[in-house]
């Protein structure tokens, strides 16, 4: 749920009025991406019985691995593709945001997780509504 906040804030910074479907699409894509990568890292951390501070390192490793696979795949299929430039520019931002979100999710004490998740959804909904009406 924490992955919703950065996506909502990023959409709020887009100039002009956005449509509901584009907002839902971007927030949903970020939620699935960061949630999947961060969730996998936290699951690995639990499975390997490591301390909670290791989860962001696992998340960074997963993001780097996925980025390398995309880079090689795009490079083999179309070496002059603009997708390589897009990946090179967006990669560091994705890496940073996934590590930050995973760190926040992993370090929240378990007794506060439900409240933080609910608050993240409410704040994201308010920001999305502001994005639509501004």
C-alpha atoms as a PDB file:
ATOM      1  CA  UNK A   1       0.000   0.000   0.000  1.00  0.00           C
ATOM      2  CA  UNK A   2       2.909   2.332   0.621  1.00  0.00           C
ATOM      3  CA  UNK A   3       3.739   2.103  -3.086  1.00  0.00           C
ATOM      4  CA  UNK A   4       0.594   4.119  -3.822  1.00  0.00           C
ATOM      5  CA  UNK A   5       1.942   7.284  -2.198  1.00  0.00           C
ATOM      6  CA  UNK A   6       4.895   8.041  -4.529  1.00  0.00           C
ATOM      7  CA  UNK A   7       2.772   7.313  -7.594  1.00  0.00           C
ATOM      8  CA  UNK A   8       0.002   9.619  -6.370  1.00  0.00           C
ATOM      9  CA  UNK A   9       2.447  12.402  -5.597  1.00  0.00           C
ATOM     10  CA  UNK A  10       4.106  12.025  -9.004  1.00  0.00           C
ATOM     11  CA  UNK A  11       0.723  12.302 -10.720  1.00  0.00           C
ATOM     12  CA  UNK A  12      -0.102  15.413  -8.699  1.00  0.00           C
ATOM     13  CA  UNK A  13       3.008  17.086 -10.165  1.00  0.00           C
ATOM     14  CA  UNK A  14       1.964  16.489 -13.784  1.00  0.00           C
ATOM     15  CA  UNK A  15       0.882  19.796 -15.335  1.00  0.00           C
ATOM     16  CA  UNK A  16      -2.613  19.997 -16.739  1.00  0.00           C
ATOM     17  CA  UNK A  17      -5.725  18.036 -16.037  1.00  0.00           C
ATOM     18  CA  UNK A  18      -5.535  14.255 -16.139  1.00  0.00           C
ATOM     19  CA  UNK A  19      -8.215  11.712 -16.915  1.00  0.00           C
ATOM     20  CA  UNK A  20      -9.272   9.204 -14.299  1.00  0.00           C
ATOM     21  CA  UNK A  21      -8.165   6.214 -16.375  1.00  0.00           C
ATOM     22  CA  UNK A  22      -4.639   7.569 -16.878  1.00  0.00           C
ATOM     23  CA  UNK A  23      -4.325   8.222 -13.136  1.00  0.00           C
ATOM     24  CA  UNK A  24      -5.588   4.741 -12.297  1.00  0.00           C
ATOM     25  CA  UNK A  25      -3.253   3.232 -14.893  1.00  0.00           C
ATOM     26  CA  UNK A  26      -0.097   4.935 -13.625  1.00  0.00           C
ATOM     27  CA  UNK A  27      -0.931   4.376  -9.952  1.00  0.00           C
ATOM     28  CA  UNK A  28      -1.860   0.760 -10.672  1.00  0.00           C
ATOM     29  CA  UNK A  29       1.337   0.135 -12.639  1.00  0.00           C
ATOM     30  CA  UNK A  30       3.478   1.619  -9.888  1.00  0.00           C
ATOM     31  CA  UNK A  31       1.547  -0.279  -7.205  1.00  0.00           C
ATOM     32  CA  UNK A  32       2.012  -3.591  -9.014  1.00  0.00           C
ATOM     33  CA  UNK A  33       5.663  -2.940  -9.824  1.00  0.00           C
ATOM     34  CA  UNK A  34       6.842  -1.651  -6.471  1.00  0.00           C
ATOM     35  CA  UNK A  35       4.526  -3.942  -4.545  1.00  0.00           C
ATOM     36  CA  UNK A  36       5.683  -6.999  -6.451  1.00  0.00           C
ATOM     37  CA  UNK A  37       9.395  -6.199  -6.223  1.00  0.00           C
ATOM     38  CA  UNK A  38       9.281  -4.970  -2.621  1.00  0.00           C
ATOM     39  CA  UNK A  39       6.928  -7.749  -1.558  1.00  0.00           C
ATOM     40  CA  UNK A  40       9.201 -10.354  -3.100  1.00  0.00           C
ATOM     41  CA  UNK A  41      12.186  -8.840  -1.312  1.00  0.00           C
ATOM     42  CA  UNK A  42      10.369  -8.894   2.032  1.00  0.00           C
ATOM     43  CA  UNK A  43       9.245 -12.483   1.421  1.00  0.00           C
ATOM     44  CA  UNK A  44      12.863 -13.471   0.656  1.00  0.00           C
ATOM     45  CA  UNK A  45      14.019 -11.731   3.800  1.00  0.00           C
ATOM     46  CA  UNK A  46      11.471 -13.672   5.862  1.00  0.00           C
ATOM     47  CA  UNK A  47      12.231 -16.982   4.130  1.00  0.00           C
ATOM     48  CA  UNK A  48      15.964 -16.625   4.692  1.00  0.00           C
ATOM     49  CA  UNK A  49      15.411 -15.458   8.285  1.00  0.00           C
ATOM     50  CA  UNK A  50      17.399 -12.280   7.802  1.00  0.00           C
ATOM     51  CA  UNK A  51      16.987  -9.003   9.716  1.00  0.00           C
ATOM     52  CA  UNK A  52      14.477  -6.519   8.332  1.00  0.00           C
ATOM     53  CA  UNK A  53      17.173  -4.142   7.108  1.00  0.00           C
ATOM     54  CA  UNK A  54      18.207  -6.726   4.487  1.00  0.00           C
ATOM     55  CA  UNK A  55      14.894  -6.469   2.579  1.00  0.00           C
ATOM     56  CA  UNK A  56      15.849  -3.190   0.796  1.00  0.00           C
ATOM     57  CA  UNK A  57      19.088  -4.819  -0.347  1.00  0.00           C
ATOM     58  CA  UNK A  58      17.119  -7.736  -1.780  1.00  0.00           C
ATOM     59  CA  UNK A  59      14.782  -5.233  -3.473  1.00  0.00           C
ATOM     60  CA  UNK A  60      17.746  -3.408  -5.020  1.00  0.00           C
ATOM     61  CA  UNK A  61      19.158  -6.699  -6.264  1.00  0.00           C
ATOM     62  CA  UNK A  62      15.832  -7.706  -7.811  1.00  0.00           C
ATOM     63  CA  UNK A  63      15.416  -4.328  -9.527  1.00  0.00           C
ATOM     64  CA  UNK A  64      18.966  -4.484 -10.881  1.00  0.00           C
ATOM     65  CA  UNK A  65      18.412  -8.034 -12.122  1.00  0.00           C
ATOM     66  CA  UNK A  66      15.131  -7.145 -13.844  1.00  0.00           C
ATOM     67  CA  UNK A  67      16.733  -4.018 -15.337  1.00  0.00           C
ATOM     68  CA  UNK A  68      19.687  -6.015 -16.655  1.00  0.00           C
ATOM     69  CA  UNK A  69      17.381  -8.611 -18.206  1.00  0.00           C
ATOM     70  CA  UNK A  70      15.350  -5.849 -19.885  1.00  0.00           C
ATOM     71  CA  UNK A  71      18.527  -4.096 -21.079  1.00  0.00           C
ATOM     72  CA  UNK A  72      19.962  -7.251 -22.645  1.00  0.00           C
ATOM     73  CA  UNK A  73      16.615  -8.273 -24.153  1.00  0.00           C
ATOM     74  CA  UNK A  74      15.996  -4.878 -25.730  1.00  0.00           C
ATOM     75  CA  UNK A  75      19.612  -4.692 -26.886  1.00  0.00           C
ATOM     76  CA  UNK A  76      19.353  -8.061 -28.623  1.00  0.00           C
ATOM     77  CA  UNK A  77      15.972  -7.401 -30.239  1.00  0.00           C
ATOM     78  CA  UNK A  78      16.526  -3.796 -31.318  1.00  0.00           C
ATOM     79  CA  UNK A  79      19.955  -2.281 -30.518  1.00  0.00           C
ATOM     80  CA  UNK A  80      18.929   1.238 -31.572  1.00  0.00           C
ATOM     81  CA  UNK A  81      15.634   1.195 -29.701  1.00  0.00           C
ATOM     82  CA  UNK A  82      14.625   4.298 -27.726  1.00  0.00           C
ATOM     83  CA  UNK A  83      13.653   1.828 -24.980  1.00  0.00           C
ATOM     84  CA  UNK A  84      17.318   1.601 -23.954  1.00  0.00           C
ATOM     85  CA  UNK A  85      17.412   5.347 -23.354  1.00  0.00           C
ATOM     86  CA  UNK A  86      14.139   5.210 -21.433  1.00  0.00           C
ATOM     87  CA  UNK A  87      15.457   2.372 -19.305  1.00  0.00           C
ATOM     88  CA  UNK A  88      18.725   4.198 -18.633  1.00  0.00           C
ATOM     89  CA  UNK A  89      16.919   7.376 -17.576  1.00  0.00           C
ATOM     90  CA  UNK A  90      14.121   5.825 -15.522  1.00  0.00           C
ATOM     91  CA  UNK A  91      16.149   2.976 -14.007  1.00  0.00           C
ATOM     92  CA  UNK A  92      17.832   4.943 -11.200  1.00  0.00           C
ATOM     93  CA  UNK A  93      14.528   6.520 -10.191  1.00  0.00           C
ATOM     94  CA  UNK A  94      12.756   3.172 -10.103  1.00  0.00           C
ATOM     95  CA  UNK A  95      15.624   1.665  -8.111  1.00  0.00           C
ATOM     96  CA  UNK A  96      15.566   4.485  -5.570  1.00  0.00           C
ATOM     97  CA  UNK A  97      11.798   4.489  -5.139  1.00  0.00           C
ATOM     98  CA  UNK A  98      11.545   0.710  -4.803  1.00  0.00           C
ATOM     99  CA  UNK A  99      14.306   0.687  -2.175  1.00  0.00           C
ATOM    100  CA  UNK A 100      12.691   3.558  -0.249  1.00  0.00           C
ATOM    101  CA  UNK A 101       9.221   1.984  -0.322  1.00  0.00           C
ATOM    102  CA  UNK A 102      10.631  -1.434   0.635  1.00  0.00           C
ATOM    103  CA  UNK A 103      12.608   0.132   3.480  1.00  0.00           C
ATOM    104  CA  UNK A 104       9.526   1.876   4.800  1.00  0.00           C
ATOM    105  CA  UNK A 105       7.402  -1.270   4.516  1.00  0.00           C
ATOM    106  CA  UNK A 106      10.008  -3.541   6.091  1.00  0.00           C
ATOM    107  CA  UNK A 107      10.787  -1.261   9.007  1.00  0.00           C
ATOM    108  CA  UNK A 108       7.198  -0.555  10.101  1.00  0.00           C
ATOM    109  CA  UNK A 109       6.453  -2.485  13.290  1.00  0.00           C
ATOM    110  CA  UNK A 110       3.845  -5.188  12.681  1.00  0.00           C
ATOM    111  CA  UNK A 111       1.311  -3.651  15.076  1.00  0.00           C
ATOM    112  CA  UNK A 112       1.165  -0.473  12.936  1.00  0.00           C
ATOM    113  CA  UNK A 113       1.036  -2.082   9.477  1.00  0.00           C
ATOM    114  CA  UNK A 114      -2.754  -2.137   9.115  1.00  0.00           C
ATOM    115  CA  UNK A 115      -3.118   1.497  10.176  1.00  0.00           C
ATOM    116  CA  UNK A 116      -0.287   2.645   7.920  1.00  0.00           C
ATOM    117  CA  UNK A 117      -1.756   0.722   4.978  1.00  0.00           C
ATOM    118  CA  UNK A 118      -5.168   2.287   5.513  1.00  0.00           C
ATOM    119  CA  UNK A 119      -3.640   5.755   5.848  1.00  0.00           C
ATOM    120  CA  UNK A 120      -1.615   5.247   2.645  1.00  0.00           C
ATOM    121  CA  UNK A 121      -4.759   4.299   0.707  1.00  0.00           C
ATOM    122  CA  UNK A 122      -6.716   7.279   2.070  1.00  0.00           C
ATOM    123  CA  UNK A 123      -3.923   9.781   1.358  1.00  0.00           C
ATOM    124  CA  UNK A 124      -3.424   8.341  -2.140  1.00  0.00           C
ATOM    125  CA  UNK A 125      -7.149   8.594  -2.858  1.00  0.00           C
ATOM    126  CA  UNK A 126      -7.217  12.227  -1.708  1.00  0.00           C
ATOM    127  CA  UNK A 127      -4.179  13.052  -3.867  1.00  0.00           C
ATOM    128  CA  UNK A 128      -5.759  11.274  -6.872  1.00  0.00           C
ATOM    129  CA  UNK A 129      -8.974  13.262  -6.389  1.00  0.00           C
ATOM    130  CA  UNK A 130      -6.930  16.479  -6.223  1.00  0.00           C
ATOM    131  CA  UNK A 131      -5.164  15.460  -9.430  1.00  0.00           C
ATOM    132  CA  UNK A 132      -8.478  15.007 -11.210  1.00  0.00           C
ATOM    133  CA  UNK A 133      -9.994  18.300 -10.102  1.00  0.00           C
ATOM    134  CA  UNK A 134      -6.967  20.584 -10.410  1.00  0.00           C
END
